[in-house]
Amino acid sequence: MSAPSQPPQVLFVTSNRIGDCVISSGVIREIARQLPGAAITVACGRPPAPFFRSAPGVVRTIVLDKKKMAGHWLDLWRQVVATRWDLVIDIRGSALAYLVPARRRIVYNRSWETGLRKVEMVSRLMGADRPLDPEIFLDDRARAEAAAVIDPQLAGGSGPGPILALAPIAHQPGKSWPADRWGALVERLKAEPRFDGWRFMPVGGPGDRPPATPALEAAGPRGIDFVGKGDILASAAAIDRATLFVGNDSGLMHVAAALGRPTLGLFGPTEWWLYGPWGPRTATVASNETRGQFAPIEDLSVDHVFQAVLQLHDQYVAGAPSTPTTP
């Protein structure tokens, strides 16, 4: 009796950034299409690692903590060199893919950056005949962690109304809309009849507390605090409870779009036409909305963002069935 054959072994080296991991997440499904039954090992940074714990076909996640003298790459090489890989996919374009045994290699190269959206570039890299839509692989643990924070706050006085999720931080200079304007935006929305009874939920990591404070203070008893309350998959599960999302150009913006939430991304001096949220229910608002021209994000007024939120609401929420606040 012959021994059962080993499933195809795939190494997927993806980003240390949350947003880039989301953008390239469609690769997971494409691997399964090209190599049915593949056992996928993912190598990524620590912040996005929870994305892959319940992703289909993923049997192992290797966390890359950056070290001096590129020591993290040496650590990864030691962990993967003994495997004969059927396919190595390296979104980061490192030399690693050429230093491990592999039958086939797909390696990202910056020469591919010719004005296409990143989702489209990754899709072409994989040889896909259609864009590989990003996907968030939520699990019961993430949903339970989100519920453990949100439900007591709802029961404690914020009430069961629809939730507007807010991401008032980005971790690159120039991408963060001033914190006081998030507070002013919430004040405007609270007074807007369309948002009567809505709840306002800032989402972010532990270091995002200061930028989120004005929005939480403005929300008062209608606020839900999900800043620093869990890992990125718990934050994704919290965003999945929302009816609308508004955020800076950040990883959480891409998470919201991948979850199918109506998403508004705020942009300053970056290419909104390339890096805006991907999906049919998304929009951007920029400090300069002429392609190829830029302005500081501080030039983006509260009124401009407020009007864009109203438009997002009218396009995707008004007249649609309400989004439940329980999983």
Protein backbone atom coordinates (compact mmCIF):
# COMPACT_ATOMS: atom_id res chain seq x y z
CA MET A 1 0.00 0.00 0.00
CA SER A 2 1.53 3.29 -1.06
CA ALA A 3 1.94 6.14 1.40
CA PRO A 4 -0.39 9.12 0.96
CA SER A 5 1.16 11.88 -1.11
CA GLN A 6 2.24 15.06 0.65
CA PRO A 7 0.18 18.18 -0.13
CA PRO A 8 1.91 20.87 -2.18
CA GLN A 9 4.11 23.01 0.06
CA VAL A 10 3.83 26.78 -0.42
CA LEU A 11 5.81 29.55 1.26
CA PHE A 12 4.12 32.96 1.14
CA VAL A 13 6.34 35.83 2.29
CA THR A 14 4.17 38.88 2.82
CA SER A 15 4.48 42.27 4.46
CA ASN A 16 5.23 43.46 7.96
CA ARG A 17 2.58 46.17 7.42
CA ILE A 18 -1.11 45.59 8.07
CA GLY A 19 -2.32 47.44 4.98
CA ASP A 20 -0.01 45.65 2.56
CA CYS A 21 -0.94 42.28 4.08
CA VAL A 22 -4.62 43.03 3.49
CA ILE A 23 -4.02 44.23 -0.06
CA SER A 24 -2.22 40.98 -0.96
CA SER A 25 -4.53 38.67 1.02
CA GLY A 26 -6.29 37.50 -2.14
CA VAL A 27 -3.15 35.47 -2.84
CA ILE A 28 -4.34 32.90 -0.26
CA ARG A 29 -7.37 31.88 -2.32
CA GLU A 30 -5.35 31.99 -5.54
CA ILE A 31 -2.80 29.55 -4.12
CA ALA A 32 -5.62 27.09 -3.46
CA ARG A 33 -6.89 27.57 -7.02
CA GLN A 34 -3.48 26.93 -8.56
CA LEU A 35 -2.41 24.20 -6.14
CA PRO A 36 -5.50 22.52 -4.65
CA GLY A 37 -4.92 21.21 -1.14
CA ALA A 38 -1.73 23.23 -0.68
CA ALA A 39 -0.25 23.55 2.80
CA ILE A 40 0.68 27.23 3.12
CA THR A 41 3.35 28.66 5.39
CA VAL A 42 3.07 32.43 5.79
CA ALA A 43 5.95 34.66 6.88
CA CYS A 44 4.97 38.18 7.93
CA GLY A 45 5.45 40.88 10.55
CA ARG A 46 4.04 40.54 14.04
CA PRO A 47 1.16 43.08 13.78
CA PRO A 48 -0.58 41.38 10.80
CA ALA A 49 0.19 37.79 11.87
CA PRO A 50 -3.29 37.17 13.41
CA PHE A 51 -4.83 37.61 9.95
CA PHE A 52 -3.55 34.18 8.94
CA ARG A 53 -4.42 32.02 11.94
CA SER A 54 -7.72 30.93 10.37
CA ALA A 55 -6.93 31.55 6.71
CA PRO A 56 -7.80 28.54 4.53
CA GLY A 57 -4.86 26.27 3.80
CA VAL A 58 -2.47 28.07 6.17
CA VAL A 59 -0.75 25.52 8.40
CA ARG A 60 1.94 27.74 9.91
CA THR A 61 2.65 31.44 10.42
CA ILE A 62 6.24 32.56 10.97
CA VAL A 63 6.56 35.98 12.60
CA LEU A 64 9.38 38.18 11.35
CA ASP A 65 10.59 40.55 14.07
CA LYS A 66 13.05 42.94 12.52
CA LYS A 67 16.63 42.52 13.69
CA LYS A 68 19.91 44.32 13.09
CA MET A 69 21.94 43.43 10.03
CA ALA A 70 18.88 41.80 8.44
CA GLY A 71 19.05 39.05 11.03
CA HIS A 72 15.33 38.37 10.68
CA TRP A 73 15.90 37.12 7.14
CA LEU A 74 18.58 34.74 8.34
CA ASP A 75 16.20 33.43 11.01
CA LEU A 76 13.52 32.87 8.38
CA TRP A 77 15.95 31.13 6.03
CA ARG A 78 16.94 28.73 8.79
CA GLN A 79 13.30 27.83 9.38
CA VAL A 80 12.39 27.19 5.74
CA VAL A 81 15.55 26.00 3.96
CA ALA A 82 15.04 22.34 4.83
CA THR A 83 11.70 22.15 3.00
CA ARG A 84 11.42 21.45 -0.70
CA TRP A 85 8.83 24.05 -1.65
CA ASP A 86 6.52 23.55 -4.59
CA LEU A 87 5.95 27.31 -4.74
CA VAL A 88 7.56 30.31 -3.07
CA ILE A 89 5.74 33.66 -3.32
CA ASP A 90 7.64 36.69 -2.06
CA ILE A 91 5.61 39.90 -2.06
CA ARG A 92 8.51 41.73 -0.41
CA GLY A 93 10.90 41.05 -3.27
CA SER A 94 13.70 39.76 -1.07
CA ALA A 95 16.52 37.43 -2.04
CA LEU A 96 15.11 34.69 0.19
CA ALA A 97 13.06 33.11 -2.57
CA TYR A 98 16.27 32.31 -4.47
CA LEU A 99 18.03 30.88 -1.42
CA VAL A 100 15.60 28.08 -0.63
CA PRO A 101 14.82 25.00 -2.76
CA ALA A 102 11.69 25.59 -4.83
CA ARG A 103 10.11 24.21 -7.97
CA ARG A 104 8.58 27.59 -8.80
CA ARG A 105 9.18 31.13 -7.58
CA ILE A 106 7.04 34.27 -7.81
CA VAL A 107 8.96 37.32 -6.62
CA TYR A 108 7.69 40.90 -6.53
CA ASN A 109 9.80 43.50 -8.29
CA ARG A 110 9.43 47.28 -8.13
CA SER A 111 9.57 47.42 -11.91
CA TRP A 112 5.94 46.25 -11.75
CA GLU A 113 4.96 49.61 -10.23
CA THR A 114 3.72 51.33 -13.37
CA GLY A 115 0.61 53.10 -12.08
CA LEU A 116 -1.55 50.07 -11.35
CA ARG A 117 -3.33 49.64 -8.04
CA LYS A 118 -1.41 47.32 -5.71
CA VAL A 119 -4.21 44.73 -5.80
CA GLU A 120 -3.93 44.64 -9.59
CA MET A 121 -0.14 44.35 -9.47
CA VAL A 122 -0.28 41.42 -7.08
CA SER A 123 -2.95 39.77 -9.23
CA ARG A 124 -0.81 40.06 -12.34
CA LEU A 125 2.17 38.78 -10.42
CA MET A 126 0.16 35.64 -9.59
CA GLY A 127 -0.96 35.25 -13.21
CA ALA A 128 -4.60 35.66 -12.22
CA ASP A 129 -7.07 36.63 -14.92
CA ARG A 130 -9.02 38.89 -12.55
CA PRO A 131 -8.22 41.09 -9.54
CA LEU A 132 -7.63 39.07 -6.39
CA ASP A 133 -9.98 40.84 -4.00
CA PRO A 134 -8.60 41.26 -0.47
CA GLU A 135 -10.25 39.16 2.22
CA ILE A 136 -10.26 39.14 6.02
CA PHE A 137 -10.50 35.67 7.56
CA LEU A 138 -12.45 36.34 10.75
CA ASP A 139 -12.80 33.53 13.26
CA ASP A 140 -14.97 32.88 16.32
CA ARG A 141 -12.19 33.98 18.65
CA ALA A 142 -11.92 37.42 17.03
CA ARG A 143 -15.69 37.86 17.02
CA ALA A 144 -15.89 36.88 20.68
CA GLU A 145 -13.09 39.31 21.60
CA ALA A 146 -14.86 42.13 19.76
CA ALA A 147 -18.19 41.28 21.40
CA ALA A 148 -16.59 41.22 24.84
CA VAL A 149 -15.67 44.89 24.41
CA ILE A 150 -18.60 46.20 22.36
CA ASP A 151 -21.60 44.49 23.95
CA PRO A 152 -20.99 45.67 27.54
CA GLN A 153 -20.56 49.24 26.27
CA LEU A 154 -23.80 48.97 24.30
CA ALA A 155 -25.60 47.58 27.35
CA GLY A 156 -23.98 50.18 29.57
CA GLY A 157 -25.68 53.12 27.93
CA SER A 158 -24.50 53.67 24.37
CA GLY A 159 -27.50 51.72 23.10
CA PRO A 160 -28.11 49.42 20.14
CA GLY A 161 -27.96 51.93 17.27
CA PRO A 162 -25.83 51.55 14.14
CA ILE A 163 -22.08 51.98 14.60
CA LEU A 164 -19.77 54.35 12.72
CA ALA A 165 -16.21 53.05 13.09
CA LEU A 166 -13.41 55.61 13.07
CA ALA A 167 -9.66 55.13 12.59
CA PRO A 168 -8.06 58.44 13.57
CA ILE A 169 -4.44 57.36 13.19
CA ALA A 170 -1.92 56.41 10.53
CA HIS A 171 1.62 55.47 11.37
CA GLN A 172 3.39 57.39 8.62
CA PRO A 173 4.11 61.13 8.84
CA GLY A 174 1.61 63.30 7.02
CA LYS A 175 -1.19 60.71 6.89
CA SER A 176 -2.99 61.58 10.13
CA TRP A 177 -5.84 64.07 10.04
CA PRO A 178 -5.52 66.30 13.14
CA ALA A 179 -7.04 64.68 16.23
CA ASP A 180 -9.18 67.71 17.13
CA ARG A 181 -10.90 67.51 13.74
CA TRP A 182 -12.03 63.97 14.50
CA GLY A 183 -13.73 65.38 17.56
CA ALA A 184 -15.30 68.17 15.51
CA LEU A 185 -16.48 65.63 12.92
CA VAL A 186 -18.20 63.53 15.58
CA GLU A 187 -19.91 66.66 16.95
CA ARG A 188 -21.22 67.49 13.48
CA LEU A 189 -22.45 63.93 12.92
CA LYS A 190 -24.17 63.76 16.31
CA ALA A 191 -26.21 66.83 15.33
CA GLU A 192 -27.07 65.40 11.89
CA PRO A 193 -30.55 63.76 11.71
CA ARG A 194 -29.20 60.97 9.50
CA PHE A 195 -27.05 59.83 12.44
CA ASP A 196 -29.64 60.11 15.16
CA GLY A 197 -29.05 57.22 17.56
CA TRP A 198 -25.79 56.15 15.92
CA ARG A 199 -22.76 55.09 17.98
CA PHE A 200 -19.21 56.24 17.30
CA MET A 201 -16.41 53.69 17.73
CA PRO A 202 -12.75 54.67 17.41
CA VAL A 203 -10.59 51.64 16.61
CA GLY A 204 -6.82 51.34 16.90
CA GLY A 205 -3.84 49.91 18.70
CA PRO A 206 -2.53 50.82 22.15
CA GLY A 207 -0.46 53.71 20.78
CA ASP A 208 -3.47 55.26 19.08
CA ARG A 209 -5.08 56.47 22.30
CA PRO A 210 -4.11 60.18 22.07
CA PRO A 211 -5.42 60.75 18.51
CA ALA A 212 -8.66 58.92 19.36
CA THR A 213 -9.37 60.89 22.56
CA PRO A 214 -11.11 63.92 20.98
CA ALA A 215 -13.50 61.66 19.03
CA LEU A 216 -14.34 59.65 22.15
CA GLU A 217 -14.85 62.77 24.23
CA ALA A 218 -17.13 64.24 21.57
CA ALA A 219 -19.13 61.01 21.34
CA GLY A 220 -19.78 60.99 25.09
CA PRO A 221 -22.28 58.28 26.07
CA ARG A 222 -22.72 57.42 22.37
CA GLY A 223 -19.08 56.36 22.14
CA ILE A 224 -17.65 52.84 22.02
CA ASP A 225 -13.98 52.62 22.91
CA PHE A 226 -12.13 49.97 20.86
CA VAL A 227 -8.66 51.53 21.04
CA GLY A 228 -6.00 49.11 22.23
CA LYS A 229 -8.57 46.44 23.00
CA GLY A 230 -7.21 43.51 21.01
CA ASP A 231 -5.04 42.34 18.13
CA ILE A 232 -5.67 43.28 14.52
CA LEU A 233 -8.15 40.45 13.92
CA ALA A 234 -10.21 41.53 16.96
CA SER A 235 -10.15 45.08 15.57
CA ALA A 236 -11.32 43.70 12.23
CA ALA A 237 -14.18 41.87 13.96
CA ALA A 238 -15.14 45.14 15.67
CA ILE A 239 -15.15 46.97 12.34
CA ASP A 240 -17.30 44.18 10.93
CA ARG A 241 -19.94 45.18 13.50
CA ALA A 242 -20.04 48.71 12.04
CA THR A 243 -22.38 50.08 9.40
CA LEU A 244 -19.91 52.68 8.09
CA PHE A 245 -16.17 53.26 8.43
CA VAL A 246 -14.17 56.51 8.19
CA GLY A 247 -10.42 56.50 8.62
CA ASN A 248 -7.04 57.82 7.65
CA ASP A 249 -5.04 56.10 4.91
CA SER A 250 -4.06 53.16 7.11
CA GLY A 251 -4.19 49.42 7.51
CA LEU A 252 -7.58 49.64 9.21
CA MET A 253 -8.98 51.46 6.18
CA HIS A 254 -7.99 48.50 4.01
CA VAL A 255 -9.43 46.10 6.60
CA ALA A 256 -12.81 47.86 6.49
CA ALA A 257 -12.93 47.79 2.69
CA ALA A 258 -11.98 44.10 2.58
CA LEU A 259 -14.81 43.36 5.01
CA GLY A 260 -17.25 45.06 2.65
CA ARG A 261 -18.04 47.91 5.02
CA PRO A 262 -18.85 51.21 3.23
CA THR A 263 -15.47 52.87 3.67
CA LEU A 264 -14.25 56.46 3.41
CA GLY A 265 -10.47 56.98 3.34
CA LEU A 266 -8.90 60.34 4.19
CA PHE A 267 -5.81 61.32 2.20
CA GLY A 268 -3.21 64.06 2.34
CA PRO A 269 0.08 64.01 0.39
CA THR A 270 -0.22 60.43 -0.91
CA GLU A 271 -1.62 58.93 -4.10
CA TRP A 272 -5.27 58.33 -3.25
CA TRP A 273 -5.89 57.06 -6.79
CA LEU A 274 -3.40 54.23 -6.18
CA TYR A 275 -3.73 53.52 -2.47
CA GLY A 276 -7.39 54.20 -1.80
CA PRO A 277 -9.59 51.46 -0.33
CA TRP A 278 -10.34 48.60 -2.74
CA GLY A 279 -13.92 47.55 -3.31
CA PRO A 280 -17.30 48.57 -4.70
CA ARG A 281 -18.48 50.42 -1.57
CA THR A 282 -15.52 52.70 -1.02
CA ALA A 283 -14.69 56.37 -1.45
CA THR A 284 -11.83 58.76 -0.77
CA VAL A 285 -11.58 62.39 0.20
CA ALA A 286 -8.28 64.20 -0.26
CA SER A 287 -6.74 67.53 0.65
CA ASN A 288 -6.04 67.95 -3.07
CA GLU A 289 -8.32 65.92 -5.32
CA THR A 290 -6.42 66.58 -8.56
CA ARG A 291 -4.39 63.55 -9.60
CA GLY A 292 -0.68 64.19 -9.40
CA GLN A 293 -1.08 67.16 -7.07
CA PHE A 294 -0.78 67.09 -3.31
CA ALA A 295 -1.49 69.18 -0.24
CA PRO A 296 -0.96 68.62 3.49
CA ILE A 297 -3.71 66.61 5.13
CA GLU A 298 -4.25 69.63 7.41
CA ASP A 299 -5.82 71.33 4.36
CA LEU A 300 -8.67 68.80 4.54
CA SER A 301 -11.52 70.59 6.28
CA VAL A 302 -14.09 69.15 8.68
CA ASP A 303 -16.87 70.29 6.36
CA HIS A 304 -15.31 68.46 3.41
CA VAL A 305 -15.09 65.20 5.36
CA PHE A 306 -18.55 65.69 6.86
CA GLN A 307 -20.12 66.06 3.42
CA ALA A 308 -18.26 62.96 2.20
CA VAL A 309 -19.60 60.94 5.16
CA LEU A 310 -23.14 62.07 4.34
CA GLN A 311 -22.65 61.01 0.73
CA LEU A 312 -21.33 57.61 1.83
CA HIS A 313 -24.34 57.19 4.11
CA ASP A 314 -26.84 58.22 1.44
CA GLN A 315 -25.29 55.93 -1.15
CA TYR A 316 -24.91 52.76 0.89
CA VAL A 317 -27.04 53.01 4.03
CA ALA A 318 -30.15 55.07 3.36
CA GLY A 319 -32.95 52.68 2.41
CA ALA A 320 -30.79 49.60 3.00
CA PRO A 321 -31.56 47.03 5.71
CA SER A 322 -29.99 48.04 9.02
CA THR A 323 -26.78 46.36 10.07
CA PRO A 324 -27.24 44.38 13.31
CA THR A 325 -25.00 45.22 16.24
CA THR A 326 -24.71 41.61 17.37
CA PRO A 327 -22.76 38.93 15.49
